[in-house]
Amino acid sequence: MSDRAVRTATGAGRILAMMTCYRAALMLMFDDSNSGLIALWRQYMSLIIVSHYTGDLAGMAPQALLAIGHNKTIHGVLLFWL
């Protein structure tokens, strides 16, 4: 039982490390004119890595967020029910 807790805590640490990498990439955007493209690449790579690691903890939740972002019709359905 304690082994699962250790693996879960390790996975959560990886998620936080990836988000820290994302924030560092945002700060680097203002240092160089080409760093905006690099920051977008890092954001994309961070999203892939975070989706991979959170998939162990939350199942399909990371992919659900991506599907909602690209499927604009779902927002109209959700706003209808509010």
PDB file of N, CA and C in Angstrom:
ATOM      1  N   MET A   1       0.818  -1.190   0.000  1.00  0.00           N
ATOM      2  CA  MET A   1       0.000   0.000   0.000  1.00  0.00           C
ATOM      3  C   MET A   1       0.868   1.263   0.000  1.00  0.00           C
ATOM      4  N   SER A   2       1.948   1.238   0.782  1.00  0.00           N
ATOM      5  CA  SER A   2       2.797   2.428   0.829  1.00  0.00           C
ATOM      6  C   SER A   2       3.543   2.631  -0.488  1.00  0.00           C
ATOM      7  N   ASP A   3       3.795   1.554  -1.229  1.00  0.00           N
ATOM      8  CA  ASP A   3       4.459   1.681  -2.521  1.00  0.00           C
ATOM      9  C   ASP A   3       3.601   2.488  -3.494  1.00  0.00           C
ATOM     10  N   ARG A   4       2.294   2.304  -3.461  1.00  0.00           N
ATOM     11  CA  ARG A   4       1.401   3.080  -4.324  1.00  0.00           C
ATOM     12  C   ARG A   4       1.439   4.561  -3.957  1.00  0.00           C
ATOM     13  N   ALA A   5       1.480   4.841  -2.655  1.00  0.00           N
ATOM     14  CA  ALA A   5       1.531   6.242  -2.220  1.00  0.00           C
ATOM     15  C   ALA A   5       2.818   6.909  -2.685  1.00  0.00           C
ATOM     16  N   VAL A   6       3.916   6.179  -2.618  1.00  0.00           N
ATOM     17  CA  VAL A   6       5.200   6.734  -3.065  1.00  0.00           C
ATOM     18  C   VAL A   6       5.169   6.984  -4.563  1.00  0.00           C
ATOM     19  N   ARG A   7       4.624   6.041  -5.343  1.00  0.00           N
ATOM     20  CA  ARG A   7       4.546   6.240  -6.794  1.00  0.00           C
ATOM     21  C   ARG A   7       3.622   7.401  -7.145  1.00  0.00           C
ATOM     22  N   THR A   8       2.525   7.561  -6.403  1.00  0.00           N
ATOM     23  CA  THR A   8       1.612   8.672  -6.668  1.00  0.00           C
ATOM     24  C   THR A   8       2.284   9.994  -6.358  1.00  0.00           C
ATOM     25  N   ALA A   9       3.002  10.068  -5.242  1.00  0.00           N
ATOM     26  CA  ALA A   9       3.702  11.300  -4.881  1.00  0.00           C
ATOM     27  C   ALA A   9       4.786  11.623  -5.901  1.00  0.00           C
ATOM     28  N   THR A  10       5.476  10.611  -6.392  1.00  0.00           N
ATOM     29  CA  THR A  10       6.502  10.832  -7.411  1.00  0.00           C
ATOM     30  C   THR A  10       5.884  11.357  -8.694  1.00  0.00           C
ATOM     31  N   GLY A  11       4.764  10.790  -9.088  1.00  0.00           N
ATOM     32  CA  GLY A  11       4.074  11.266 -10.284  1.00  0.00           C
ATOM     33  C   GLY A  11       3.602  12.694 -10.136  1.00  0.00           C
ATOM     34  N   ALA A  12       3.105  13.053  -8.959  1.00  0.00           N
ATOM     35  CA  ALA A  12       2.664  14.431  -8.723  1.00  0.00           C
ATOM     36  C   ALA A  12       3.847  15.383  -8.791  1.00  0.00           C
ATOM     37  N   GLY A  13       5.001  14.968  -8.299  1.00  0.00           N
ATOM     38  CA  GLY A  13       6.191  15.807  -8.387  1.00  0.00           C
ATOM     39  C   GLY A  13       6.612  16.050  -9.825  1.00  0.00           C
ATOM     40  N   ARG A  14       6.468  15.049 -10.664  1.00  0.00           N
ATOM     41  CA  ARG A  14       6.805  15.215 -12.083  1.00  0.00           C
ATOM     42  C   ARG A  14       5.865  16.209 -12.747  1.00  0.00           C
ATOM     43  N   ILE A  15       4.588  16.157 -12.385  1.00  0.00           N
ATOM     44  CA  ILE A  15       3.622  17.092 -12.960  1.00  0.00           C
ATOM     45  C   ILE A  15       3.984  18.516 -12.575  1.00  0.00           C
ATOM     46  N   LEU A  16       4.313  18.732 -11.309  1.00  0.00           N
ATOM     47  CA  LEU A  16       4.685  20.075 -10.865  1.00  0.00           C
ATOM     48  C   LEU A  16       5.977  20.535 -11.530  1.00  0.00           C
ATOM     49  N   ALA A  17       6.906  19.619 -11.758  1.00  0.00           N
ATOM     50  CA  ALA A  17       8.149  19.985 -12.435  1.00  0.00           C
ATOM     51  C   ALA A  17       7.877  20.417 -13.870  1.00  0.00           C
ATOM     52  N   MET A  18       6.954  19.755 -14.546  1.00  0.00           N
ATOM     53  CA  MET A  18       6.625  20.134 -15.920  1.00  0.00           C
ATOM     54  C   MET A  18       5.958  21.501 -15.971  1.00  0.00           C
ATOM     55  N   MET A  19       5.103  21.800 -15.004  1.00  0.00           N
ATOM     56  CA  MET A  19       4.457  23.105 -14.984  1.00  0.00           C
ATOM     57  C   MET A  19       5.481  24.199 -14.687  1.00  0.00           C
ATOM     58  N   THR A  20       6.479  23.896 -13.870  1.00  0.00           N
ATOM     59  CA  THR A  20       7.546  24.854 -13.610  1.00  0.00           C
ATOM     60  C   THR A  20       8.333  25.114 -14.889  1.00  0.00           C
ATOM     61  N   CYS A  21       8.577  24.080 -15.672  1.00  0.00           N
ATOM     62  CA  CYS A  21       9.256  24.237 -16.961  1.00  0.00           C
ATOM     63  C   CYS A  21       8.442  25.138 -17.875  1.00  0.00           C
ATOM     64  N   TYR A  22       7.129  24.997 -17.855  1.00  0.00           N
ATOM     65  CA  TYR A  22       6.247  25.824 -18.686  1.00  0.00           C
ATOM     66  C   TYR A  22       6.357  27.288 -18.277  1.00  0.00           C
ATOM     67  N   ARG A  23       6.383  27.566 -16.978  1.00  0.00           N
ATOM     68  CA  ARG A  23       6.498  28.959 -16.520  1.00  0.00           C
ATOM     69  C   ARG A  23       7.864  29.543 -16.883  1.00  0.00           C
ATOM     70  N   ALA A  24       8.903  28.741 -16.788  1.00  0.00           N
ATOM     71  CA  ALA A  24      10.227  29.220 -17.165  1.00  0.00           C
ATOM     72  C   ALA A  24      10.274  29.544 -18.652  1.00  0.00           C
ATOM     73  N   ALA A  25       9.583  28.761 -19.462  1.00  0.00           N
ATOM     74  CA  ALA A  25       9.539  29.028 -20.901  1.00  0.00           C
ATOM     75  C   ALA A  25       8.814  30.338 -21.180  1.00  0.00           C
ATOM     76  N   LEU A  26       7.779  30.643 -20.402  1.00  0.00           N
ATOM     77  CA  LEU A  26       7.078  31.912 -20.592  1.00  0.00           C
ATOM     78  C   LEU A  26       7.977  33.094 -20.249  1.00  0.00           C
ATOM     79  N   MET A  27       8.798  32.950 -19.211  1.00  0.00           N
ATOM     80  CA  MET A  27       9.692  34.048 -18.842  1.00  0.00           C
ATOM     81  C   MET A  27      10.759  34.261 -19.908  1.00  0.00           C
ATOM     82  N   LEU A  28      11.176  33.206 -20.579  1.00  0.00           N
ATOM     83  CA  LEU A  28      12.201  33.330 -21.608  1.00  0.00           C
ATOM     84  C   LEU A  28      11.671  33.942 -22.898  1.00  0.00           C
ATOM     85  N   MET A  29      10.362  34.066 -23.035  1.00  0.00           N
ATOM     86  CA  MET A  29       9.791  34.620 -24.263  1.00  0.00           C
ATOM     87  C   MET A  29      10.263  36.042 -24.525  1.00  0.00           C
ATOM     88  N   PHE A  30      10.542  36.788 -23.482  1.00  0.00           N
ATOM     89  CA  PHE A  30      10.873  38.194 -23.641  1.00  0.00           C
ATOM     90  C   PHE A  30      12.369  38.444 -23.811  1.00  0.00           C
ATOM     91  N   ASP A  31      13.195  37.407 -23.712  1.00  0.00           N
ATOM     92  CA  ASP A  31      14.638  37.590 -23.813  1.00  0.00           C
ATOM     93  C   ASP A  31      15.137  37.632 -25.251  1.00  0.00           C
ATOM     94  N   ASP A  32      14.497  36.946 -26.155  1.00  0.00           N
ATOM     95  CA  ASP A  32      14.988  36.814 -27.517  1.00  0.00           C
ATOM     96  C   ASP A  32      13.790  36.815 -28.461  1.00  0.00           C
ATOM     97  N   SER A  33      13.985  37.294 -29.674  1.00  0.00           N
ATOM     98  CA  SER A  33      12.864  37.357 -30.609  1.00  0.00           C
ATOM     99  C   SER A  33      12.419  35.970 -31.068  1.00  0.00           C
ATOM    100  N   ASN A  34      13.332  35.025 -31.136  1.00  0.00           N
ATOM    101  CA  ASN A  34      13.000  33.675 -31.570  1.00  0.00           C
ATOM    102  C   ASN A  34      12.508  32.809 -30.416  1.00  0.00           C
ATOM    103  N   SER A  35      12.658  33.276 -29.189  1.00  0.00           N
ATOM    104  CA  SER A  35      12.289  32.447 -28.048  1.00  0.00           C
ATOM    105  C   SER A  35      10.784  32.252 -27.941  1.00  0.00           C
ATOM    106  N   GLY A  36       9.988  33.091 -28.618  1.00  0.00           N
ATOM    107  CA  GLY A  36       8.544  32.871 -28.623  1.00  0.00           C
ATOM    108  C   GLY A  36       8.190  31.550 -29.267  1.00  0.00           C
ATOM    109  N   LEU A  37       8.864  31.230 -30.366  1.00  0.00           N
ATOM    110  CA  LEU A  37       8.632  29.938 -31.018  1.00  0.00           C
ATOM    111  C   LEU A  37       9.146  28.788 -30.164  1.00  0.00           C
ATOM    112  N   ILE A  38      10.262  29.014 -29.511  1.00  0.00           N
ATOM    113  CA  ILE A  38      10.811  27.983 -28.632  1.00  0.00           C
ATOM    114  C   ILE A  38       9.867  27.747 -27.459  1.00  0.00           C
ATOM    115  N   ALA A  39       9.298  28.825 -26.916  1.00  0.00           N
ATOM    116  CA  ALA A  39       8.374  28.686 -25.792  1.00  0.00           C
ATOM    117  C   ALA A  39       7.122  27.927 -26.208  1.00  0.00           C
ATOM    118  N   LEU A  40       6.632  28.178 -27.418  1.00  0.00           N
ATOM    119  CA  LEU A  40       5.468  27.431 -27.888  1.00  0.00           C
ATOM    120  C   LEU A  40       5.794  25.946 -28.045  1.00  0.00           C
ATOM    121  N   TRP A  41       6.992  25.651 -28.530  1.00  0.00           N
ATOM    122  CA  TRP A  41       7.414  24.259 -28.654  1.00  0.00           C
ATOM    123  C   TRP A  41       7.509  23.610 -27.277  1.00  0.00           C
ATOM    124  N   ARG A  42       8.087  24.343 -26.312  1.00  0.00           N
ATOM    125  CA  ARG A  42       8.191  23.798 -24.955  1.00  0.00           C
ATOM    126  C   ARG A  42       6.813  23.590 -24.341  1.00  0.00           C
ATOM    127  N   GLN A  43       5.893  24.499 -24.618  1.00  0.00           N
ATOM    128  CA  GLN A  43       4.539  24.351 -24.097  1.00  0.00           C
ATOM    129  C   GLN A  43       3.890  23.087 -24.668  1.00  0.00           C
ATOM    130  N   TYR A  44       4.079  22.863 -25.957  1.00  0.00           N
ATOM    131  CA  TYR A  44       3.516  21.672 -26.597  1.00  0.00           C
ATOM    132  C   TYR A  44       4.125  20.398 -26.016  1.00  0.00           C
ATOM    133  N   MET A  45       5.454  20.398 -25.858  1.00  0.00           N
ATOM    134  CA  MET A  45       6.123  19.228 -25.302  1.00  0.00           C
ATOM    135  C   MET A  45       5.713  19.006 -23.852  1.00  0.00           C
ATOM    136  N   SER A  46       5.566  20.084 -23.083  1.00  0.00           N
ATOM    137  CA  SER A  46       5.129  19.949 -21.693  1.00  0.00           C
ATOM    138  C   SER A  46       3.733  19.368 -21.624  1.00  0.00           C
ATOM    139  N   LEU A  47       2.869  19.768 -22.549  1.00  0.00           N
ATOM    140  CA  LEU A  47       1.507  19.241 -22.572  1.00  0.00           C
ATOM    141  C   LEU A  47       1.509  17.743 -22.857  1.00  0.00           C
ATOM    142  N   ILE A  48       2.372  17.313 -23.764  1.00  0.00           N
ATOM    143  CA  ILE A  48       2.467  15.878 -24.065  1.00  0.00           C
ATOM    144  C   ILE A  48       2.961  15.108 -22.846  1.00  0.00           C
ATOM    145  N   ILE A  49       3.992  15.629 -22.195  1.00  0.00           N
ATOM    146  CA  ILE A  49       4.566  14.927 -21.043  1.00  0.00           C
ATOM    147  C   ILE A  49       3.593  14.920 -19.873  1.00  0.00           C
ATOM    148  N   VAL A  50       2.962  16.063 -19.608  1.00  0.00           N
ATOM    149  CA  VAL A  50       2.001  16.134 -18.506  1.00  0.00           C
ATOM    150  C   VAL A  50       0.817  15.222 -18.788  1.00  0.00           C
ATOM    151  N   SER A  51       0.356  15.171 -20.028  1.00  0.00           N
ATOM    152  CA  SER A  51      -0.748  14.279 -20.370  1.00  0.00           C
ATOM    153  C   SER A  51      -0.361  12.825 -20.152  1.00  0.00           C
ATOM    154  N   HIS A  52       0.896  12.504 -20.443  1.00  0.00           N
ATOM    155  CA  HIS A  52       1.350  11.126 -20.254  1.00  0.00           C
ATOM    156  C   HIS A  52       1.350  10.752 -18.778  1.00  0.00           C
ATOM    157  N   TYR A  53       1.904  11.628 -17.943  1.00  0.00           N
ATOM    158  CA  TYR A  53       2.005  11.301 -16.525  1.00  0.00           C
ATOM    159  C   TYR A  53       0.671  11.426 -15.803  1.00  0.00           C
ATOM    160  N   THR A  54      -0.162  12.377 -16.174  1.00  0.00           N
ATOM    161  CA  THR A  54      -1.456  12.480 -15.510  1.00  0.00           C
ATOM    162  C   THR A  54      -2.402  11.389 -15.974  1.00  0.00           C
ATOM    163  N   GLY A  55      -2.121  10.792 -17.118  1.00  0.00           N
ATOM    164  CA  GLY A  55      -2.937   9.677 -17.568  1.00  0.00           C
ATOM    165  C   GLY A  55      -2.875   8.503 -16.604  1.00  0.00           C
ATOM    166  N   ASP A  56      -1.733   8.353 -15.909  1.00  0.00           N
ATOM    167  CA  ASP A  56      -1.620   7.293 -14.912  1.00  0.00           C
ATOM    168  C   ASP A  56      -2.529   7.560 -13.721  1.00  0.00           C
ATOM    169  N   LEU A  57      -2.714   8.824 -13.380  1.00  0.00           N
ATOM    170  CA  LEU A  57      -3.488   9.175 -12.194  1.00  0.00           C
ATOM    171  C   LEU A  57      -4.957   9.426 -12.495  1.00  0.00           C
ATOM    172  N   ALA A  58      -5.255   9.988 -13.658  1.00  0.00           N
ATOM    173  CA  ALA A  58      -6.618  10.454 -13.909  1.00  0.00           C
ATOM    174  C   ALA A  58      -7.286   9.807 -15.120  1.00  0.00           C
ATOM    175  N   GLY A  59      -6.696   8.802 -15.702  1.00  0.00           N
ATOM    176  CA  GLY A  59      -7.328   8.143 -16.845  1.00  0.00           C
ATOM    177  C   GLY A  59      -7.318   9.024 -18.078  1.00  0.00           C
ATOM    178  N   MET A  60      -8.472   9.305 -18.639  1.00  0.00           N
ATOM    179  CA  MET A  60      -8.579  10.064 -19.885  1.00  0.00           C
ATOM    180  C   MET A  60      -8.831  11.551 -19.656  1.00  0.00           C
ATOM    181  N   ALA A  61      -8.719  12.040 -18.438  1.00  0.00           N
ATOM    182  CA  ALA A  61      -9.016  13.448 -18.158  1.00  0.00           C
ATOM    183  C   ALA A  61      -8.155  14.420 -18.970  1.00  0.00           C
ATOM    184  N   PRO A  62      -6.828  14.220 -19.129  1.00  0.00           N
ATOM    185  CA  PRO A  62      -6.043  15.175 -19.924  1.00  0.00           C
ATOM    186  C   PRO A  62      -6.490  15.238 -21.380  1.00  0.00           C
ATOM    187  N   GLN A  63      -6.832  14.081 -21.956  1.00  0.00           N
ATOM    188  CA  GLN A  63      -7.287  14.082 -23.338  1.00  0.00           C
ATOM    189  C   GLN A  63      -8.672  14.712 -23.457  1.00  0.00           C
ATOM    190  N   ALA A  64      -9.481  14.619 -22.418  1.00  0.00           N
ATOM    191  CA  ALA A  64     -10.804  15.251 -22.443  1.00  0.00           C
ATOM    192  C   ALA A  64     -10.663  16.766 -22.521  1.00  0.00           C
ATOM    193  N   LEU A  65      -9.695  17.321 -21.796  1.00  0.00           N
ATOM    194  CA  LEU A  65      -9.480  18.769 -21.857  1.00  0.00           C
ATOM    195  C   LEU A  65      -9.048  19.201 -23.251  1.00  0.00           C
ATOM    196  N   LEU A  66      -8.209  18.411 -23.900  1.00  0.00           N
ATOM    197  CA  LEU A  66      -7.792  18.740 -25.261  1.00  0.00           C
ATOM    198  C   LEU A  66      -8.968  18.661 -26.225  1.00  0.00           C
ATOM    199  N   ALA A  67      -9.838  17.678 -26.050  1.00  0.00           N
ATOM    200  CA  ALA A  67     -10.990  17.532 -26.935  1.00  0.00           C
ATOM    201  C   ALA A  67     -11.953  18.699 -26.778  1.00  0.00           C
ATOM    202  N   ILE A  68     -12.145  19.164 -25.570  1.00  0.00           N
ATOM    203  CA  ILE A  68     -13.035  20.306 -25.351  1.00  0.00           C
ATOM    204  C   ILE A  68     -12.440  21.560 -25.970  1.00  0.00           C
ATOM    205  N   GLY A  69     -11.119  21.719 -25.888  1.00  0.00           N
ATOM    206  CA  GLY A  69     -10.480  22.902 -26.455  1.00  0.00           C
ATOM    207  C   GLY A  69     -10.642  22.985 -27.961  1.00  0.00           C
ATOM    208  N   HIS A  70     -10.629  21.854 -28.658  1.00  0.00           N
ATOM    209  CA  HIS A  70     -10.730  21.869 -30.110  1.00  0.00           C
ATOM    210  C   HIS A  70     -12.171  21.774 -30.604  1.00  0.00           C
ATOM    211  N   ASN A  71     -13.053  21.268 -29.777  1.00  0.00           N
ATOM    212  CA  ASN A  71     -14.442  21.100 -30.178  1.00  0.00           C
ATOM    213  C   ASN A  71     -15.245  22.289 -29.650  1.00  0.00           C
ATOM    214  N   LYS A  72     -15.431  23.292 -30.474  1.00  0.00           N
ATOM    215  CA  LYS A  72     -16.080  24.522 -30.028  1.00  0.00           C
ATOM    216  C   LYS A  72     -17.582  24.361 -29.830  1.00  0.00           C
ATOM    217  N   THR A  73     -18.192  23.349 -30.429  1.00  0.00           N
ATOM    218  CA  THR A  73     -19.641  23.199 -30.279  1.00  0.00           C
ATOM    219  C   THR A  73     -20.024  22.772 -28.873  1.00  0.00           C
ATOM    220  N   ILE A  74     -19.114  22.134 -28.161  1.00  0.00           N
ATOM    221  CA  ILE A  74     -19.449  21.692 -26.810  1.00  0.00           C
ATOM    222  C   ILE A  74     -19.646  22.881 -25.871  1.00  0.00           C
ATOM    223  N   HIS A  75     -18.980  24.004 -26.159  1.00  0.00           N
ATOM    224  CA  HIS A  75     -19.145  25.175 -25.305  1.00  0.00           C
ATOM    225  C   HIS A  75     -20.568  25.708 -25.397  1.00  0.00           C
ATOM    226  N   GLY A  76     -21.154  25.681 -26.576  1.00  0.00           N
ATOM    227  CA  GLY A  76     -22.537  26.119 -26.715  1.00  0.00           C
ATOM    228  C   GLY A  76     -23.492  25.228 -25.947  1.00  0.00           C
ATOM    229  N   VAL A  77     -23.220  23.931 -25.941  1.00  0.00           N
ATOM    230  CA  VAL A  77     -24.068  22.994 -25.199  1.00  0.00           C
ATOM    231  C   VAL A  77     -23.934  23.235 -23.702  1.00  0.00           C
ATOM    232  N   LEU A  78     -22.714  23.451 -23.245  1.00  0.00           N
ATOM    233  CA  LEU A  78     -22.505  23.687 -21.818  1.00  0.00           C
ATOM    234  C   LEU A  78     -23.131  25.000 -21.376  1.00  0.00           C
ATOM    235  N   LEU A  79     -23.035  26.028 -22.197  1.00  0.00           N
ATOM    236  CA  LEU A  79     -23.621  27.310 -21.828  1.00  0.00           C
ATOM    237  C   LEU A  79     -25.142  27.251 -21.842  1.00  0.00           C
ATOM    238  N   PHE A  80     -25.709  26.378 -22.654  1.00  0.00           N
ATOM    239  CA  PHE A  80     -27.160  26.229 -22.690  1.00  0.00           C
ATOM    240  C   PHE A  80     -27.690  25.744 -21.345  1.00  0.00           C
ATOM    241  N   TRP A  81     -26.935  24.845 -20.704  1.00  0.00           N
ATOM    242  CA  TRP A  81     -27.396  24.274 -19.440  1.00  0.00           C
ATOM    243  C   TRP A  81     -27.140  25.184 -18.257  1.00  0.00           C
ATOM    244  N   LEU A  82     -26.335  26.218 -18.388  1.00  0.00           N
ATOM    245  CA  LEU A  82     -26.052  27.108 -17.245  1.00  0.00           C
ATOM    246  C   LEU A  82     -27.158  28.040 -16.956  1.00  0.00           C
TER     247      LEU A  82
END
